Amino acid sequence: MLALLNGIFLSWWRRIFGEGKIKGLLGNRTFQAIIFVLVQSAFWCYKDAQLSWLTLAIAIYVYIFYWSRAIGCMLDYGEAWWQTHKNYKGWWVKPLNWIIHLFGGHKYYGAYDFWWTECRYTLCLLPLIYWGHHIWIAGLFSAPIYWFNHWLFEKYPSMYKIFDDSKDASELSFGMVSGIIFYLGW
């Protein structure tokens, strides 16, 4: 039950965080960060109260490296062939570019966006395997969720009556999956 509650919280919190248009206290990134860290720490401490300071540190780490990094360059879903290395930032770009080159793929468009998303969300969680060996799996769901919702919106344009963009549905879905896995994987 708590895993589902954490999923619901993170799905809506991801949506609020991803929106960027909300004004007032809820639109303040510092306030959003504090709420994320406190709520995640509370969920994790409830599950394992011995690690209260450690859960706070891990929640801060997850916020900085998993939750708050921009993903705008991949939201064209591989269709913007004009993007360059300037659009793709992060330490995970170098190993990804090496692998793409090794297999003869194209950088910065096509499947590159899918793999960039996978690397961006999964590799940052690998250091947490010691504390929760399943937590990194949340990152593996990132690209499939974003791409599935993009496909769904292209196939069923009526979805735009519910959401402004496929990104909106993706944020809710990805937040839910992340919240459940973060709780269960801890």
Protein backbone atom coordinates (compact mmCIF):
# COMPACT_ATOMS: atom_id res chain seq x y z
CA MET A 1 0.00 0.00 0.00
CA LEU A 2 2.81 2.42 0.87
CA ALA A 3 4.53 1.67 -2.43
CA LEU A 4 1.35 2.74 -4.23
CA LEU A 5 1.07 5.90 -2.10
CA ASN A 6 4.68 6.76 -2.90
CA GLY A 7 3.92 6.14 -6.57
CA ILE A 8 0.90 8.43 -6.48
CA PHE A 9 2.87 11.15 -4.70
CA LEU A 10 5.78 10.96 -7.13
CA SER A 11 3.52 10.84 -10.20
CA TRP A 12 1.86 14.12 -9.27
CA TRP A 13 5.06 15.63 -7.93
CA ARG A 14 6.83 14.76 -11.19
CA ARG A 15 4.01 16.42 -13.09
CA ILE A 16 4.18 19.58 -10.94
CA PHE A 17 7.98 19.63 -11.25
CA GLY A 18 7.91 19.01 -15.00
CA GLU A 19 5.26 21.62 -15.70
CA GLY A 20 7.38 24.66 -14.91
CA LYS A 21 4.34 26.92 -15.32
CA ILE A 22 3.00 26.73 -11.78
CA LYS A 23 3.29 30.00 -9.85
CA GLY A 24 3.61 30.63 -6.14
CA LEU A 25 5.10 28.33 -3.54
CA LEU A 26 4.41 25.11 -5.48
CA GLY A 27 6.26 26.55 -8.48
CA ASN A 28 9.37 27.30 -6.45
CA ARG A 29 12.11 24.75 -7.27
CA THR A 30 13.66 25.02 -3.80
CA PHE A 31 10.30 24.27 -2.17
CA GLN A 32 9.76 21.39 -4.60
CA ALA A 33 13.20 19.97 -3.74
CA ILE A 34 12.60 20.20 0.00
CA ILE A 35 9.20 18.47 -0.26
CA PHE A 36 10.65 15.71 -2.47
CA VAL A 37 13.56 15.05 -0.11
CA LEU A 38 11.40 15.09 3.03
CA VAL A 39 8.65 12.85 1.63
CA GLN A 40 11.08 10.32 0.11
CA SER A 41 13.08 10.25 3.35
CA ALA A 42 9.89 9.69 5.33
CA PHE A 43 8.81 6.78 3.12
CA TRP A 44 12.25 5.18 3.27
CA CYS A 45 12.64 5.77 7.03
CA TYR A 46 9.25 4.21 7.66
CA LYS A 47 10.43 1.11 5.85
CA ASP A 48 13.85 1.03 7.58
CA ALA A 49 14.05 3.45 10.51
CA GLN A 50 17.68 2.60 11.27
CA LEU A 51 18.89 4.60 8.29
CA SER A 52 17.28 8.00 8.91
CA TRP A 53 20.33 10.18 8.10
CA LEU A 54 21.34 7.92 5.26
CA THR A 55 17.87 8.10 3.71
CA LEU A 56 18.03 11.88 3.83
CA ALA A 57 21.40 11.83 2.02
CA ILE A 58 20.14 9.34 -0.57
CA ALA A 59 16.95 11.36 -1.14
CA ILE A 60 19.11 14.44 -1.81
CA TYR A 61 21.28 12.42 -4.19
CA VAL A 62 18.21 11.05 -6.02
CA TYR A 63 16.77 14.54 -6.31
CA ILE A 64 19.97 16.05 -7.71
CA PHE A 65 21.00 13.29 -10.10
CA TYR A 66 17.74 11.54 -11.00
CA TRP A 67 14.81 13.86 -10.53
CA SER A 68 15.90 17.39 -11.36
CA ARG A 69 18.03 17.10 -14.51
CA ALA A 70 16.62 18.46 -17.75
CA ILE A 71 15.49 16.09 -20.51
CA GLY A 72 14.38 18.59 -23.14
CA CYS A 73 16.79 17.43 -25.83
CA MET A 74 15.17 13.99 -26.03
CA LEU A 75 11.59 15.20 -26.23
CA ASP A 76 11.78 15.26 -30.03
CA TYR A 77 11.94 11.44 -29.82
CA GLY A 78 14.80 11.16 -32.29
CA GLU A 79 13.16 13.26 -34.99
CA ALA A 80 15.30 16.41 -34.73
CA TRP A 81 18.27 15.54 -36.91
CA TRP A 82 19.67 19.06 -36.53
CA GLN A 83 20.54 18.68 -32.82
CA THR A 84 24.24 18.61 -31.97
CA HIS A 85 26.43 17.73 -29.01
CA LYS A 86 25.55 21.12 -27.49
CA ASN A 87 22.02 19.86 -26.81
CA TYR A 88 23.13 16.69 -25.04
CA LYS A 89 24.82 17.32 -21.73
CA GLY A 90 25.85 14.95 -18.95
CA TRP A 91 28.77 12.69 -18.18
CA TRP A 92 26.86 9.69 -19.61
CA VAL A 93 27.15 11.14 -23.14
CA LYS A 94 30.79 10.07 -23.57
CA PRO A 95 30.26 6.33 -22.96
CA LEU A 96 27.03 6.46 -24.96
CA ASN A 97 28.77 8.12 -27.91
CA TRP A 98 31.52 5.52 -27.75
CA ILE A 99 28.98 2.68 -27.87
CA ILE A 100 26.96 4.34 -30.65
CA HIS A 101 30.18 4.78 -32.67
CA LEU A 102 31.17 1.17 -32.00
CA PHE A 103 27.90 -0.11 -33.46
CA GLY A 104 27.83 2.39 -36.33
CA GLY A 105 24.80 4.33 -35.11
CA HIS A 106 23.95 8.00 -35.54
CA LYS A 107 24.52 10.54 -32.82
CA TYR A 108 21.88 12.98 -31.63
CA TYR A 109 18.86 11.66 -33.56
CA GLY A 110 16.99 8.45 -34.16
CA ALA A 111 17.47 5.81 -31.45
CA TYR A 112 20.13 7.98 -29.80
CA ASP A 113 17.45 9.86 -27.84
CA PHE A 114 16.07 6.58 -26.50
CA TRP A 115 19.48 5.41 -25.29
CA TRP A 116 20.41 8.85 -24.01
CA THR A 117 17.27 8.78 -21.85
CA GLU A 118 18.06 5.28 -20.59
CA CYS A 119 21.60 6.31 -19.65
CA ARG A 120 20.51 9.59 -18.10
CA TYR A 121 18.02 7.92 -15.73
CA THR A 122 19.69 4.55 -15.07
CA LEU A 123 23.41 5.23 -14.68
CA CYS A 124 22.90 7.80 -11.92
CA LEU A 125 21.10 5.18 -9.81
CA LEU A 126 23.84 2.55 -10.05
CA PRO A 127 25.76 3.87 -7.00
CA LEU A 128 22.64 3.18 -4.90
CA ILE A 129 22.68 -0.57 -5.60
CA TYR A 130 24.38 -1.14 -2.24
CA TRP A 131 21.37 0.27 -0.35
CA GLY A 132 18.62 -0.96 -2.61
CA HIS A 133 19.67 -3.39 -5.29
CA HIS A 134 16.44 -2.93 -7.27
CA ILE A 135 16.27 0.87 -7.19
CA TRP A 136 18.23 1.31 -10.44
CA ILE A 137 15.49 -0.53 -12.35
CA ALA A 138 13.37 2.62 -12.19
CA GLY A 139 15.74 4.22 -14.70
CA LEU A 140 15.21 1.41 -17.19
CA PHE A 141 11.54 2.36 -17.46
CA SER A 142 12.29 5.95 -18.49
CA ALA A 143 12.67 5.74 -22.26
CA PRO A 144 10.00 3.05 -22.81
CA ILE A 145 7.45 5.16 -20.89
CA TYR A 146 8.27 8.39 -22.74
CA TRP A 147 8.34 6.64 -26.14
CA PHE A 148 5.15 4.67 -25.51
CA ASN A 149 3.26 7.81 -24.58
CA HIS A 150 4.64 9.62 -27.63
CA TRP A 151 3.47 6.73 -29.83
CA LEU A 152 0.08 6.71 -28.09
CA PHE A 153 -0.44 10.41 -28.76
CA GLU A 154 0.56 10.04 -32.40
CA LYS A 155 -1.78 7.08 -32.88
CA TYR A 156 -4.69 8.56 -30.88
CA PRO A 157 -4.72 12.36 -31.25
CA SER A 158 -7.81 12.48 -29.04
CA MET A 159 -5.40 12.04 -26.11
CA TYR A 160 -4.68 15.76 -26.48
CA LYS A 161 -8.11 16.41 -24.99
CA ILE A 162 -6.84 14.94 -21.72
CA PHE A 163 -3.22 16.15 -21.73
CA ASP A 164 -1.50 19.05 -23.47
CA ASP A 165 1.36 16.83 -24.59
CA SER A 166 2.64 13.27 -24.39
CA LYS A 167 5.25 14.54 -21.92
CA ASP A 168 2.47 15.27 -19.42
CA ALA A 169 1.22 11.67 -19.51
CA SER A 170 4.80 10.41 -19.42
CA GLU A 171 5.60 12.39 -16.29
CA LEU A 172 2.60 10.94 -14.47
CA SER A 173 3.43 7.39 -15.60
CA PHE A 174 7.14 7.68 -14.92
CA GLY A 175 6.56 9.25 -11.51
CA MET A 176 4.23 6.39 -10.56
CA VAL A 177 6.67 3.70 -11.68
CA SER A 178 9.60 5.47 -9.99
CA GLY A 179 7.70 5.87 -6.73
CA ILE A 180 6.69 2.22 -6.57
CA ILE A 181 10.16 0.95 -7.45
CA PHE A 182 11.87 3.42 -5.09
CA TYR A 183 9.76 2.11 -2.22
CA LEU A 184 9.96 -1.59 -3.09
CA GLY A 185 13.60 -1.46 -4.19
CA TRP A 186 14.82 0.14 -1.00
